[in-house]
Amino acid sequence: MLSAPERFSDDSRKLVEAIENELYLSAASAWEIAIKYQLGKLQLPSRPAELIPELMSKTTVVALPIRHSHGLRVAELPPHHSDPFDRLLVAQAQLEGLPLLTADPQFEPYDVEVLRA
């Protein structure tokens, strides 16, 4: 969202920038960022433990914790997609009644609202 805003469509950028919309970052996404950073697959200007909270504070993004119910819901999802992080995001979106903003078409077969980035 911040590192490559040009990847967002005009409509999704308006959604993200609209003050009335509350934005969430799942702990699953923070975990995935940390793993990719540690493996050298993601370059960041500073360590995730410093950068992510700083960016969340600047953008008023709210932390979405992982609950047991989220993890257990994954077992009920059809096997449309095998990525464990993405499956957890679907479970969270379903249980919390949140849409997913993504460019990944893998989410579309699930029973969840997908907003195309």
N, C-alpha and C. Protein backbone atom coordinates (compact mmCIF):
# COMPACT_ATOMS: atom_id res chain seq x y z
N MET A 1 0.83 -1.19 0.00
CA MET A 1 0.00 0.00 0.00
C MET A 1 0.88 1.26 0.00
N LEU A 2 1.93 1.23 0.80
CA LEU A 2 2.79 2.41 0.87
C LEU A 2 3.98 2.31 -0.07
N SER A 3 4.51 1.12 -0.24
CA SER A 3 5.72 0.98 -1.05
C SER A 3 5.45 1.00 -2.54
N ALA A 4 4.25 0.62 -2.95
CA ALA A 4 3.93 0.60 -4.38
C ALA A 4 2.48 1.03 -4.61
N PRO A 5 2.14 2.28 -4.30
CA PRO A 5 0.76 2.72 -4.46
C PRO A 5 0.27 2.66 -5.90
N GLU A 6 1.20 2.67 -6.84
CA GLU A 6 0.80 2.60 -8.25
C GLU A 6 0.18 1.25 -8.61
N ARG A 7 0.38 0.24 -7.78
CA ARG A 7 -0.20 -1.08 -8.03
C ARG A 7 -1.69 -1.12 -7.69
N PHE A 8 -2.17 -0.08 -7.02
CA PHE A 8 -3.58 -0.02 -6.64
C PHE A 8 -4.37 0.69 -7.73
N SER A 9 -5.58 0.20 -7.97
CA SER A 9 -6.47 0.89 -8.90
C SER A 9 -6.93 2.19 -8.24
N ASP A 10 -7.49 3.08 -9.05
CA ASP A 10 -8.00 4.34 -8.50
C ASP A 10 -9.07 4.07 -7.45
N ASP A 11 -9.97 3.10 -7.74
CA ASP A 11 -11.04 2.78 -6.80
C ASP A 11 -10.51 2.24 -5.48
N SER A 12 -9.55 1.33 -5.55
CA SER A 12 -9.02 0.78 -4.29
C SER A 12 -8.21 1.82 -3.52
N ARG A 13 -7.51 2.69 -4.22
CA ARG A 13 -6.77 3.76 -3.55
C ARG A 13 -7.74 4.69 -2.82
N LYS A 14 -8.89 4.98 -3.44
CA LYS A 14 -9.90 5.82 -2.79
C LYS A 14 -10.45 5.14 -1.53
N LEU A 15 -10.66 3.82 -1.60
CA LEU A 15 -11.13 3.08 -0.43
C LEU A 15 -10.13 3.17 0.72
N VAL A 16 -8.86 2.98 0.39
CA VAL A 16 -7.80 3.00 1.39
C VAL A 16 -7.65 4.39 2.00
N GLU A 17 -7.79 5.41 1.19
CA GLU A 17 -7.58 6.78 1.66
C GLU A 17 -8.80 7.38 2.35
N ALA A 18 -9.97 6.78 2.16
CA ALA A 18 -11.20 7.33 2.75
C ALA A 18 -11.14 7.23 4.27
N ILE A 19 -11.27 8.34 4.93
CA ILE A 19 -11.12 8.41 6.39
C ILE A 19 -12.16 7.56 7.12
N GLU A 20 -13.32 7.36 6.51
CA GLU A 20 -14.39 6.60 7.18
C GLU A 20 -14.15 5.09 7.14
N ASN A 21 -13.20 4.64 6.34
CA ASN A 21 -12.89 3.21 6.27
C ASN A 21 -11.78 2.85 7.25
N GLU A 22 -12.06 1.86 8.09
CA GLU A 22 -11.06 1.37 9.02
C GLU A 22 -10.28 0.25 8.32
N LEU A 23 -8.97 0.35 8.34
CA LEU A 23 -8.11 -0.63 7.68
C LEU A 23 -7.45 -1.52 8.73
N TYR A 24 -7.37 -2.81 8.42
CA TYR A 24 -6.79 -3.78 9.34
C TYR A 24 -5.59 -4.46 8.69
N LEU A 25 -4.61 -4.78 9.51
CA LEU A 25 -3.49 -5.61 9.08
C LEU A 25 -3.49 -6.83 9.98
N SER A 26 -3.68 -7.99 9.38
CA SER A 26 -3.70 -9.23 10.13
C SER A 26 -2.31 -9.56 10.67
N ALA A 27 -2.30 -10.15 11.85
CA ALA A 27 -1.04 -10.66 12.40
C ALA A 27 -0.45 -11.70 11.45
N ALA A 28 -1.29 -12.37 10.68
CA ALA A 28 -0.80 -13.33 9.68
C ALA A 28 0.03 -12.62 8.62
N SER A 29 -0.38 -11.44 8.22
CA SER A 29 0.38 -10.68 7.23
C SER A 29 1.70 -10.19 7.81
N ALA A 30 1.67 -9.74 9.06
CA ALA A 30 2.92 -9.32 9.72
C ALA A 30 3.88 -10.50 9.83
N TRP A 31 3.36 -11.66 10.16
CA TRP A 31 4.15 -12.88 10.28
C TRP A 31 4.78 -13.23 8.93
N GLU A 32 3.98 -13.18 7.87
CA GLU A 32 4.48 -13.48 6.53
C GLU A 32 5.56 -12.48 6.11
N ILE A 33 5.37 -11.20 6.41
CA ILE A 33 6.38 -10.18 6.11
C ILE A 33 7.68 -10.50 6.84
N ALA A 34 7.58 -10.85 8.11
CA ALA A 34 8.77 -11.17 8.91
C ALA A 34 9.52 -12.37 8.34
N ILE A 35 8.79 -13.39 7.94
CA ILE A 35 9.43 -14.59 7.37
C ILE A 35 10.12 -14.27 6.05
N LYS A 36 9.42 -13.56 5.17
CA LYS A 36 10.01 -13.23 3.87
C LYS A 36 11.23 -12.32 4.03
N TYR A 37 11.17 -11.41 4.99
CA TYR A 37 12.31 -10.53 5.27
C TYR A 37 13.50 -11.36 5.74
N GLN A 38 13.26 -12.25 6.68
CA GLN A 38 14.34 -13.07 7.24
C GLN A 38 14.97 -13.97 6.17
N LEU A 39 14.17 -14.46 5.25
CA LEU A 39 14.68 -15.32 4.17
C LEU A 39 15.35 -14.54 3.05
N GLY A 40 15.30 -13.21 3.12
CA GLY A 40 15.89 -12.38 2.07
C GLY A 40 15.02 -12.23 0.84
N LYS A 41 13.74 -12.60 0.94
CA LYS A 41 12.82 -12.50 -0.19
C LYS A 41 12.06 -11.18 -0.22
N LEU A 42 12.25 -10.36 0.83
CA LEU A 42 11.58 -9.08 0.92
C LEU A 42 12.58 -8.05 1.47
N GLN A 43 12.82 -7.05 0.68
CA GLN A 43 13.73 -5.97 1.09
C GLN A 43 12.90 -4.86 1.73
N LEU A 44 13.33 -4.42 2.90
CA LEU A 44 12.65 -3.34 3.61
C LEU A 44 13.70 -2.32 4.07
N PRO A 45 13.29 -1.07 4.28
CA PRO A 45 14.25 -0.05 4.72
C PRO A 45 14.73 -0.24 6.16
N SER A 46 13.99 -1.01 6.95
CA SER A 46 14.40 -1.33 8.32
C SER A 46 13.74 -2.65 8.73
N ARG A 47 14.11 -3.14 9.91
CA ARG A 47 13.58 -4.41 10.38
C ARG A 47 12.05 -4.35 10.51
N PRO A 48 11.36 -5.45 10.19
CA PRO A 48 9.90 -5.45 10.30
C PRO A 48 9.38 -5.05 11.68
N ALA A 49 10.09 -5.46 12.73
CA ALA A 49 9.64 -5.15 14.09
C ALA A 49 9.61 -3.64 14.36
N GLU A 50 10.40 -2.89 13.62
CA GLU A 50 10.40 -1.43 13.75
C GLU A 50 9.47 -0.81 12.70
N LEU A 51 9.59 -1.29 11.48
CA LEU A 51 8.90 -0.67 10.35
C LEU A 51 7.39 -0.84 10.39
N ILE A 52 6.92 -2.05 10.61
CA ILE A 52 5.48 -2.32 10.52
C ILE A 52 4.69 -1.52 11.57
N PRO A 53 5.07 -1.53 12.86
CA PRO A 53 4.33 -0.70 13.81
C PRO A 53 4.38 0.79 13.48
N GLU A 54 5.53 1.25 12.99
CA GLU A 54 5.66 2.66 12.61
C GLU A 54 4.69 3.02 11.48
N LEU A 55 4.65 2.17 10.45
CA LEU A 55 3.75 2.43 9.32
C LEU A 55 2.29 2.31 9.72
N MET A 56 1.99 1.34 10.58
CA MET A 56 0.61 1.20 11.04
C MET A 56 0.17 2.44 11.80
N SER A 57 1.04 2.97 12.60
CA SER A 57 0.73 4.18 13.37
C SER A 57 0.50 5.38 12.44
N LYS A 58 1.38 5.53 11.45
CA LYS A 58 1.26 6.63 10.49
C LYS A 58 -0.03 6.57 9.68
N THR A 59 -0.46 5.36 9.35
CA THR A 59 -1.61 5.19 8.48
C THR A 59 -2.88 4.83 9.24
N THR A 60 -2.83 4.79 10.54
CA THR A 60 -3.94 4.41 11.42
C THR A 60 -4.53 3.03 11.08
N VAL A 61 -3.69 2.14 10.61
CA VAL A 61 -4.11 0.76 10.36
C VAL A 61 -4.21 0.05 11.71
N VAL A 62 -5.27 -0.72 11.87
CA VAL A 62 -5.54 -1.42 13.13
C VAL A 62 -5.01 -2.85 13.05
N ALA A 63 -4.39 -3.31 14.14
CA ALA A 63 -3.89 -4.68 14.20
C ALA A 63 -5.06 -5.65 14.35
N LEU A 64 -5.05 -6.70 13.55
CA LEU A 64 -6.05 -7.77 13.66
C LEU A 64 -5.34 -9.01 14.18
N PRO A 65 -5.56 -9.35 15.45
CA PRO A 65 -4.88 -10.51 16.01
C PRO A 65 -5.42 -11.82 15.45
N ILE A 66 -4.65 -12.86 15.59
CA ILE A 66 -5.09 -14.21 15.22
C ILE A 66 -5.70 -14.85 16.45
N ARG A 67 -6.94 -15.29 16.33
CA ARG A 67 -7.63 -15.97 17.43
C ARG A 67 -7.72 -17.47 17.13
N HIS A 68 -7.97 -18.24 18.17
CA HIS A 68 -8.13 -19.68 17.98
C HIS A 68 -9.22 -19.97 16.94
N SER A 69 -10.32 -19.22 17.02
CA SER A 69 -11.43 -19.44 16.08
C SER A 69 -10.98 -19.24 14.64
N HIS A 70 -10.06 -18.31 14.42
CA HIS A 70 -9.54 -18.08 13.06
C HIS A 70 -8.76 -19.31 12.59
N GLY A 71 -7.87 -19.77 13.45
CA GLY A 71 -7.06 -20.93 13.09
C GLY A 71 -7.91 -22.17 12.85
N LEU A 72 -8.92 -22.37 13.68
CA LEU A 72 -9.78 -23.54 13.53
C LEU A 72 -10.68 -23.45 12.30
N ARG A 73 -11.05 -22.25 11.92
CA ARG A 73 -11.90 -22.06 10.73
C ARG A 73 -11.20 -22.53 9.46
N VAL A 74 -9.88 -22.45 9.44
CA VAL A 74 -9.11 -22.87 8.27
C VAL A 74 -9.44 -24.31 7.89
N ALA A 75 -9.69 -25.16 8.87
CA ALA A 75 -10.01 -26.57 8.60
C ALA A 75 -11.35 -26.74 7.88
N GLU A 76 -12.20 -25.73 7.94
CA GLU A 76 -13.51 -25.78 7.29
C GLU A 76 -13.50 -25.21 5.88
N LEU A 77 -12.40 -24.61 5.47
CA LEU A 77 -12.33 -23.99 4.15
C LEU A 77 -12.10 -25.03 3.07
N PRO A 78 -12.74 -24.85 1.92
CA PRO A 78 -12.44 -25.74 0.80
C PRO A 78 -11.00 -25.53 0.34
N PRO A 79 -10.40 -26.54 -0.27
CA PRO A 79 -8.97 -26.45 -0.65
C PRO A 79 -8.71 -25.70 -1.95
N HIS A 80 -9.28 -24.51 -2.09
CA HIS A 80 -9.06 -23.73 -3.30
C HIS A 80 -7.62 -23.24 -3.41
N HIS A 81 -6.98 -23.08 -2.27
CA HIS A 81 -5.68 -22.42 -2.23
C HIS A 81 -4.89 -23.08 -1.11
N SER A 82 -3.61 -23.33 -1.31
CA SER A 82 -2.83 -24.06 -0.30
C SER A 82 -1.98 -23.16 0.59
N ASP A 83 -1.85 -21.88 0.28
CA ASP A 83 -1.01 -20.99 1.08
C ASP A 83 -1.62 -20.81 2.47
N PRO A 84 -0.90 -21.21 3.53
CA PRO A 84 -1.49 -21.14 4.88
C PRO A 84 -1.79 -19.71 5.34
N PHE A 85 -0.98 -18.75 4.94
CA PHE A 85 -1.24 -17.36 5.33
C PHE A 85 -2.52 -16.86 4.67
N ASP A 86 -2.68 -17.13 3.39
CA ASP A 86 -3.87 -16.69 2.67
C ASP A 86 -5.13 -17.36 3.22
N ARG A 87 -5.03 -18.64 3.55
CA ARG A 87 -6.18 -19.35 4.11
C ARG A 87 -6.58 -18.74 5.47
N LEU A 88 -5.59 -18.35 6.24
CA LEU A 88 -5.89 -17.71 7.53
C LEU A 88 -6.54 -16.35 7.32
N LEU A 89 -6.11 -15.61 6.31
CA LEU A 89 -6.74 -14.33 5.99
C LEU A 89 -8.20 -14.52 5.60
N VAL A 90 -8.48 -15.57 4.83
CA VAL A 90 -9.87 -15.87 4.45
C VAL A 90 -10.69 -16.18 5.69
N ALA A 91 -10.16 -17.01 6.57
CA ALA A 91 -10.87 -17.36 7.80
C ALA A 91 -11.16 -16.11 8.63
N GLN A 92 -10.18 -15.25 8.77
CA GLN A 92 -10.38 -14.02 9.53
C GLN A 92 -11.44 -13.14 8.88
N ALA A 93 -11.37 -12.98 7.58
CA ALA A 93 -12.34 -12.15 6.88
C ALA A 93 -13.75 -12.70 7.06
N GLN A 94 -13.90 -14.01 6.97
CA GLN A 94 -15.22 -14.61 7.13
C GLN A 94 -15.76 -14.39 8.55
N LEU A 95 -14.95 -14.71 9.54
CA LEU A 95 -15.42 -14.63 10.92
C LEU A 95 -15.60 -13.21 11.42
N GLU A 96 -14.79 -12.28 10.92
CA GLU A 96 -14.88 -10.89 11.37
C GLU A 96 -15.76 -10.04 10.47
N GLY A 97 -16.25 -10.62 9.37
CA GLY A 97 -17.11 -9.87 8.45
C GLY A 97 -16.38 -8.75 7.75
N LEU A 98 -15.12 -9.02 7.37
CA LEU A 98 -14.28 -8.00 6.72
C LEU A 98 -14.02 -8.38 5.27
N PRO A 99 -13.98 -7.40 4.38
CA PRO A 99 -13.56 -7.69 3.00
C PRO A 99 -12.04 -7.79 2.94
N LEU A 100 -11.56 -8.47 1.91
CA LEU A 100 -10.13 -8.56 1.65
C LEU A 100 -9.80 -7.68 0.46
N LEU A 101 -8.83 -6.80 0.62
CA LEU A 101 -8.34 -5.98 -0.47
C LEU A 101 -7.07 -6.64 -0.99
N THR A 102 -7.13 -7.14 -2.22
CA THR A 102 -6.01 -7.91 -2.75
C THR A 102 -6.01 -7.89 -4.28
N ALA A 103 -4.85 -8.13 -4.83
CA ALA A 103 -4.73 -8.32 -6.27
C ALA A 103 -4.68 -9.80 -6.61
N ASP A 104 -4.65 -10.66 -5.60
CA ASP A 104 -4.51 -12.10 -5.78
C ASP A 104 -5.85 -12.73 -6.13
N PRO A 105 -5.99 -13.31 -7.33
CA PRO A 105 -7.26 -13.92 -7.72
C PRO A 105 -7.55 -15.22 -6.98
N GLN A 106 -6.59 -15.75 -6.23
CA GLN A 106 -6.79 -17.00 -5.50
C GLN A 106 -7.88 -16.90 -4.43
N PHE A 107 -8.20 -15.69 -3.99
CA PHE A 107 -9.20 -15.51 -2.94
C PHE A 107 -10.63 -15.59 -3.46
N GLU A 108 -10.83 -15.36 -4.73
CA GLU A 108 -12.17 -15.23 -5.29
C GLU A 108 -13.06 -16.46 -5.14
N PRO A 109 -12.54 -17.70 -5.18
CA PRO A 109 -13.43 -18.85 -5.01
C PRO A 109 -14.01 -19.00 -3.60
N TYR A 110 -13.46 -18.31 -2.63
CA TYR A 110 -13.93 -18.44 -1.26
C TYR A 110 -15.16 -17.59 -1.01
N ASP A 111 -15.90 -17.97 0.00
CA ASP A 111 -17.08 -17.22 0.41
C ASP A 111 -16.65 -16.05 1.28
N VAL A 112 -16.10 -15.03 0.61
CA VAL A 112 -15.60 -13.84 1.28
C VAL A 112 -15.65 -12.68 0.28
N GLU A 113 -15.91 -11.49 0.78
CA GLU A 113 -15.93 -10.32 -0.10
C GLU A 113 -14.50 -9.95 -0.47
N VAL A 114 -14.24 -9.90 -1.77
CA VAL A 114 -12.91 -9.55 -2.26
C VAL A 114 -13.01 -8.23 -3.00
N LEU A 115 -12.18 -7.28 -2.57
CA LEU A 115 -12.08 -6.00 -3.27
C LEU A 115 -10.77 -6.04 -4.03
N ARG A 116 -10.83 -5.83 -5.32
CA ARG A 116 -9.64 -5.92 -6.17
C ARG A 116 -8.76 -4.67 -6.02
N ALA A 117 -7.51 -4.92 -5.69
CA ALA A 117 -6.55 -3.83 -5.58
C ALA A 117 -6.17 -3.41 -6.98
